[in-house]
Amino acid sequence: MTDVGSTRENVEQVGQRPGQHGAESPDGTGDPADLGRDDWRDRDDWRPEPERHGRRGWLFAAFAVVVVAIAAAVLKLATGDPAVAPLGPVHLAAPVTLPPAPNPPPRPSTAQSSAAGTAGAEICPGSDGVSADDQPGWQHDAVQADPADPASSVACAGRYSLHTTSTAGGVSYRWTFDVDQAGHCDIAVYVPDTPRADVARVHYTVLDGDTVVEGFVIAQARDRGQFVPAGSYPAGGGPLTVRMDNQSPVAGTVVASAVRFTCQPG
C-alpha cells in the first residue's frame, strides 16, 4: 500500500524547476523557491552547465577572429600586397663603399691671376704687404673720383699716405709682393690726384729679397691721377719690394698710394 505522505513529497519535487533541488537562495538563507523569476534569470551560477560553457566558447571564438583580422591587416599594410606570402629568410644588402671626398680647392694666394702664367697684385696702403718706417710725420688722406667724369677712377678707393721731404731722407714707405716662382715683374706706381703730390723727382728702389735690384724716379707733381709704368725687374721667387724715400733737395710732400705688380715666370 502506497504511503500517502511519500506520494505528496514526490509530487512536490516533480513540480520544482530543474536546478532547484537541494539549492539555496543566493543569500544562503532560504529555499530557492523563495527567489523571484528575474532573480533566477540573472544568476549565471544557477544556469545549467552546458549553457554557461557555450557562452564562453562563443566569446573566445569572437576574440580569436578579431585578433586574426588585426594581424592580417597589419601584415597587409607592411607588405603592400593583398596576397601576403609567407615570410622567407631576410637577406641584408651588401655594404656600399662611397668614393673618397674630393680634396678642397687650394686657398688663393695674394697674387691675382690676370692671364695664363701671369700673376699680379695691386697693393694699397693699410693692406698686407705695405709698411712704413716708424717715424713721426706720416699722415693719411683720400681723394674722390670726379663725378663729372664717368671714366675717371681712383686706386685704393682714393686712400693714400703722405710725408714731408727731407734733404737727408731717412723715411721710407714699402710695398712687398710674394712672387710664387722666379721670373720677372712689371711694376707700376699710382700717383693720387691731389695737390699735395708736389715733388718733381721722387726716388724709388726695387729689392729682390734684401738685395737691391735697381732704382727709378717718378715726377709725382706731373703724373697725378694715373698709374705710371716703372719698368720690368727680375724676381728670384719670394718677396719683391718697392721702397719710396722722402729724400729730396726741394721741400715738399711725397705721397704713397698703390703699386701694381704683374709677374711672369721664366
Protein backbone atom coordinates (compact mmCIF):
# COMPACT_ATOMS: atom_id res chain seq x y z
CA MET A 1 0.00 0.00 0.00
CA THR A 2 1.40 3.32 -1.04
CA ASP A 3 2.26 5.88 1.62
CA VAL A 4 0.24 9.00 1.04
CA GLY A 5 2.88 11.24 2.58
CA SER A 6 5.59 9.87 0.29
CA THR A 7 3.43 10.38 -2.76
CA ARG A 8 2.82 14.02 -1.84
CA GLU A 9 6.54 14.63 -1.37
CA ASN A 10 7.31 13.19 -4.77
CA VAL A 11 4.67 15.35 -6.39
CA GLU A 12 6.20 18.50 -4.85
CA GLN A 13 9.67 17.52 -6.06
CA VAL A 14 8.40 16.94 -9.56
CA GLY A 15 6.91 20.43 -9.58
CA GLN A 16 10.29 22.03 -8.95
CA ARG A 17 12.24 23.56 -11.86
CA PRO A 18 15.49 21.96 -12.95
CA GLY A 19 18.44 23.09 -10.94
CA GLN A 20 16.35 23.97 -7.82
CA HIS A 21 16.63 20.71 -5.99
CA GLY A 22 18.66 20.97 -2.86
CA ALA A 23 19.69 24.56 -3.69
CA GLU A 24 19.58 27.59 -1.53
CA SER A 25 18.69 31.13 -2.34
CA PRO A 26 21.52 33.46 -3.43
CA ASP A 27 21.75 34.96 0.05
CA GLY A 28 22.10 31.46 1.55
CA THR A 29 19.23 31.99 3.96
CA GLY A 30 16.21 30.37 2.36
CA ASP A 31 14.77 27.99 -0.11
CA PRO A 32 15.41 28.64 -3.83
CA ALA A 33 11.70 28.55 -4.27
CA ASP A 34 11.55 31.88 -2.49
CA LEU A 35 13.51 33.58 -5.35
CA GLY A 36 11.63 35.51 -7.98
CA ARG A 37 11.73 34.68 -11.68
CA ASP A 38 14.05 37.61 -12.51
CA ASP A 39 16.47 36.70 -9.71
CA TRP A 40 16.85 33.20 -11.12
CA ARG A 41 17.46 34.52 -14.64
CA ASP A 42 20.25 36.89 -13.52
CA ARG A 43 22.25 34.28 -11.67
CA ASP A 44 24.84 32.68 -14.02
CA ASP A 45 25.80 30.08 -11.45
CA TRP A 46 22.23 28.83 -11.44
CA ARG A 47 22.24 28.29 -15.20
CA PRO A 48 22.80 24.79 -16.50
CA GLU A 49 26.47 23.85 -17.19
CA PRO A 50 26.07 23.44 -20.98
CA GLU A 51 24.60 26.91 -21.33
CA ARG A 52 27.47 28.58 -19.41
CA HIS A 53 30.16 26.71 -21.33
CA GLY A 54 28.57 27.50 -24.68
CA ARG A 55 28.52 31.22 -23.95
CA ARG A 56 32.22 31.27 -23.04
CA GLY A 57 33.12 29.36 -26.19
CA TRP A 58 31.42 31.94 -28.39
CA LEU A 59 33.32 34.75 -26.65
CA PHE A 60 36.68 33.04 -27.17
CA ALA A 61 35.87 32.39 -30.83
CA ALA A 62 34.90 36.02 -31.45
CA PHE A 63 38.11 37.25 -29.76
CA ALA A 64 40.23 34.92 -31.91
CA VAL A 65 38.56 36.18 -35.09
CA VAL A 66 39.29 39.81 -34.14
CA VAL A 67 42.95 39.06 -33.39
CA VAL A 68 43.42 37.24 -36.71
CA ALA A 69 41.77 40.10 -38.62
CA ILE A 70 44.01 42.71 -36.97
CA ALA A 71 47.15 40.66 -37.67
CA ALA A 72 46.18 40.24 -41.32
CA ALA A 73 45.54 43.99 -41.72
CA VAL A 74 48.90 44.90 -40.19
CA LEU A 75 50.73 42.42 -42.42
CA LYS A 76 48.94 43.76 -45.50
CA LEU A 77 49.93 47.34 -44.68
CA ALA A 78 53.56 46.31 -44.09
CA THR A 79 53.91 44.44 -47.38
CA GLY A 80 51.58 46.48 -49.58
CA ASP A 81 50.38 43.27 -51.24
CA PRO A 82 46.87 41.95 -50.67
CA ALA A 83 48.09 38.40 -51.17
CA VAL A 84 50.63 38.11 -48.38
CA ALA A 85 53.14 35.35 -48.91
CA PRO A 86 54.82 33.62 -46.00
CA LEU A 87 57.90 35.40 -44.77
CA GLY A 88 61.13 33.94 -46.10
CA PRO A 89 64.70 34.41 -44.96
CA VAL A 90 65.87 38.03 -44.68
CA HIS A 91 68.88 38.94 -46.81
CA LEU A 92 70.90 42.02 -45.77
CA ALA A 93 72.09 44.32 -48.54
CA ALA A 94 75.79 44.37 -49.24
CA PRO A 95 77.64 47.39 -47.76
CA VAL A 96 78.09 50.30 -50.13
CA THR A 97 81.56 51.84 -50.40
CA LEU A 98 81.40 55.58 -51.06
CA PRO A 99 84.15 57.21 -53.14
CA PRO A 100 86.58 59.40 -51.20
CA ALA A 101 85.64 63.04 -50.87
CA PRO A 102 87.45 65.29 -53.33
CA ASN A 103 90.25 67.42 -52.00
CA PRO A 104 89.21 71.01 -51.26
CA PRO A 105 90.39 73.58 -53.77
CA PRO A 106 93.64 75.30 -52.85
CA ARG A 107 93.37 78.57 -50.99
CA PRO A 108 94.02 81.54 -53.26
CA SER A 109 97.28 83.35 -52.73
CA THR A 110 97.71 87.09 -52.53
CA ALA A 111 98.51 87.06 -56.24
CA GLN A 112 95.62 87.72 -58.59
CA SER A 113 95.76 85.80 -61.88
CA SER A 114 95.28 88.07 -64.87
CA ALA A 115 96.33 85.68 -67.67
CA ALA A 116 97.73 82.21 -68.19
CA GLY A 117 101.11 82.05 -66.45
CA THR A 118 100.69 85.59 -65.12
CA ALA A 119 100.15 86.70 -61.55
CA GLY A 120 99.83 90.11 -60.05
CA ALA A 121 98.50 92.25 -57.28
CA GLU A 122 97.59 95.84 -56.58
CA ILE A 123 98.78 96.66 -53.08
CA CYS A 124 97.27 99.61 -51.22
CA PRO A 125 98.03 101.48 -48.01
CA GLY A 126 96.70 99.68 -44.96
CA SER A 127 96.78 96.23 -46.59
CA ASP A 128 99.11 93.27 -46.13
CA GLY A 129 102.48 93.87 -47.77
CA VAL A 130 102.55 97.58 -47.02
CA SER A 131 104.72 99.12 -44.32
CA ALA A 132 106.21 102.46 -43.41
CA ASP A 133 109.11 103.45 -41.23
CA ASP A 134 108.06 104.05 -37.67
CA GLN A 135 108.78 107.77 -37.88
CA PRO A 136 106.56 110.68 -36.88
CA GLY A 137 105.07 112.81 -39.61
CA TRP A 138 103.07 110.24 -41.62
CA GLN A 139 99.56 111.38 -42.48
CA HIS A 140 96.66 109.69 -44.25
CA ASP A 141 94.09 111.11 -46.62
CA ALA A 142 91.85 110.15 -49.54
CA VAL A 143 90.65 111.61 -52.83
CA GLN A 144 87.39 111.01 -54.67
CA ALA A 145 86.80 110.26 -58.34
CA ASP A 146 85.46 113.15 -60.40
CA PRO A 147 81.65 112.67 -60.54
CA ALA A 148 81.53 114.72 -63.77
CA ASP A 149 83.88 112.24 -65.48
CA PRO A 150 82.41 108.69 -65.55
CA ALA A 151 85.69 107.33 -66.95
CA SER A 152 87.72 108.60 -64.03
CA SER A 153 88.76 106.17 -61.31
CA VAL A 154 91.00 106.17 -58.30
CA ALA A 155 93.16 103.37 -56.93
CA CYS A 156 92.75 102.08 -53.38
CA ALA A 157 89.40 103.89 -53.11
CA GLY A 158 91.37 107.14 -53.12
CA ARG A 159 93.35 106.36 -49.95
CA TYR A 160 96.95 107.48 -49.68
CA SER A 161 99.64 108.27 -47.13
CA LEU A 162 101.95 111.28 -47.22
CA HIS A 163 105.11 112.64 -45.60
CA THR A 164 107.19 115.77 -45.95
CA THR A 165 110.51 115.58 -47.76
CA SER A 166 113.95 115.98 -46.23
CA THR A 167 117.36 116.64 -47.75
CA ALA A 168 118.78 113.87 -45.54
CA GLY A 169 115.95 111.44 -46.17
CA GLY A 170 115.66 108.62 -43.64
CA VAL A 171 111.91 107.90 -44.02
CA SER A 172 110.60 105.26 -46.42
CA TYR A 173 107.42 103.51 -47.49
CA ARG A 174 107.41 99.90 -48.78
CA TRP A 175 105.15 97.68 -50.88
CA THR A 176 106.01 93.93 -50.89
CA PHE A 177 104.62 91.21 -53.19
CA ASP A 178 105.38 87.48 -52.74
CA VAL A 179 106.37 86.06 -56.14
CA ASP A 180 105.47 82.36 -56.49
CA GLN A 181 108.33 81.44 -58.85
CA ALA A 182 111.37 83.03 -60.43
CA GLY A 183 110.76 85.29 -63.39
CA HIS A 184 110.30 88.98 -63.94
CA CYS A 185 107.71 91.53 -62.80
CA ASP A 186 106.37 94.71 -64.37
CA ILE A 187 105.86 97.46 -61.80
CA ALA A 188 103.55 100.49 -61.99
CA VAL A 189 103.09 103.19 -59.34
CA TYR A 190 99.83 105.10 -58.84
CA VAL A 191 100.06 108.82 -58.02
CA PRO A 192 96.87 110.14 -56.39
CA ASP A 193 95.30 113.23 -57.93
CA THR A 194 95.99 115.63 -55.09
CA PRO A 195 97.89 118.95 -54.98
CA ARG A 196 99.83 117.56 -52.05
CA ALA A 197 101.84 115.48 -54.53
CA ASP A 198 104.15 118.43 -55.34
CA VAL A 199 107.64 116.85 -55.66
CA ALA A 200 109.14 116.71 -59.15
CA ARG A 201 111.51 113.81 -58.50
CA VAL A 202 110.58 111.05 -56.04
CA HIS A 203 113.06 108.19 -55.65
CA TYR A 204 112.05 104.51 -55.59
CA THR A 205 114.17 101.36 -55.12
CA VAL A 206 113.36 97.74 -56.14
CA LEU A 207 114.62 94.94 -53.85
CA ASP A 208 114.56 91.20 -54.57
CA GLY A 209 114.51 89.87 -51.04
CA ASP A 210 117.13 92.04 -49.31
CA THR A 211 119.13 92.63 -52.49
CA VAL A 212 118.85 95.98 -54.26
CA VAL A 213 117.99 95.39 -57.92
CA GLU A 214 117.60 98.90 -59.36
CA GLY A 215 116.06 102.31 -58.72
CA PHE A 216 113.76 104.67 -60.64
CA VAL A 217 112.33 108.18 -60.34
CA ILE A 218 108.72 109.40 -60.79
CA ALA A 219 107.61 113.00 -61.19
CA GLN A 220 104.65 112.95 -58.80
CA ALA A 221 103.85 116.64 -59.35
CA ARG A 222 103.34 115.93 -63.07
CA ASP A 223 101.86 112.42 -63.16
CA ARG A 224 98.91 112.79 -60.79
CA GLY A 225 95.80 110.61 -61.09
CA GLN A 226 97.32 107.69 -63.02
CA PHE A 227 99.46 104.56 -62.89
CA VAL A 228 102.99 105.35 -64.02
CA PRO A 229 104.93 102.40 -65.56
CA ALA A 230 108.23 101.94 -63.72
CA GLY A 231 109.82 99.14 -65.77
CA SER A 232 110.32 95.36 -65.59
CA TYR A 233 112.55 93.78 -62.96
CA PRO A 234 113.91 90.26 -62.27
CA ALA A 235 112.41 88.29 -59.39
CA GLY A 236 114.06 85.22 -57.90
CA GLY A 237 110.89 83.87 -56.30
CA GLY A 238 109.96 85.29 -52.91
CA PRO A 239 109.37 88.83 -51.67
CA LEU A 240 109.79 91.61 -54.21
CA THR A 241 109.71 95.09 -52.64
CA VAL A 242 109.31 98.65 -53.92
CA ARG A 243 110.61 101.29 -51.48
CA MET A 244 109.81 105.02 -51.72
CA ASP A 245 112.14 107.52 -49.96
CA ASN A 246 111.38 111.05 -48.77
CA GLN A 247 114.80 112.40 -49.69
CA SER A 248 114.66 115.49 -51.92
CA PRO A 249 116.66 118.71 -52.25
CA VAL A 250 113.37 120.60 -52.54
CA ALA A 251 110.87 120.93 -49.70
CA GLY A 252 107.57 119.29 -50.45
CA THR A 253 105.40 116.24 -49.80
CA VAL A 254 105.72 112.70 -51.14
CA VAL A 255 102.57 110.58 -51.43
CA ALA A 256 102.12 106.79 -51.36
CA SER A 257 99.09 105.03 -52.83
CA ALA A 258 99.02 101.83 -54.91
CA VAL A 259 101.78 99.78 -56.53
CA ARG A 260 100.83 97.18 -59.14
CA PHE A 261 102.90 94.02 -59.67
CA THR A 262 102.41 91.92 -62.84
CA CYS A 263 104.72 88.89 -62.84
CA GLN A 264 105.52 86.10 -65.29
CA PRO A 265 107.74 83.06 -64.74
CA GLY A 266 110.94 82.47 -66.71
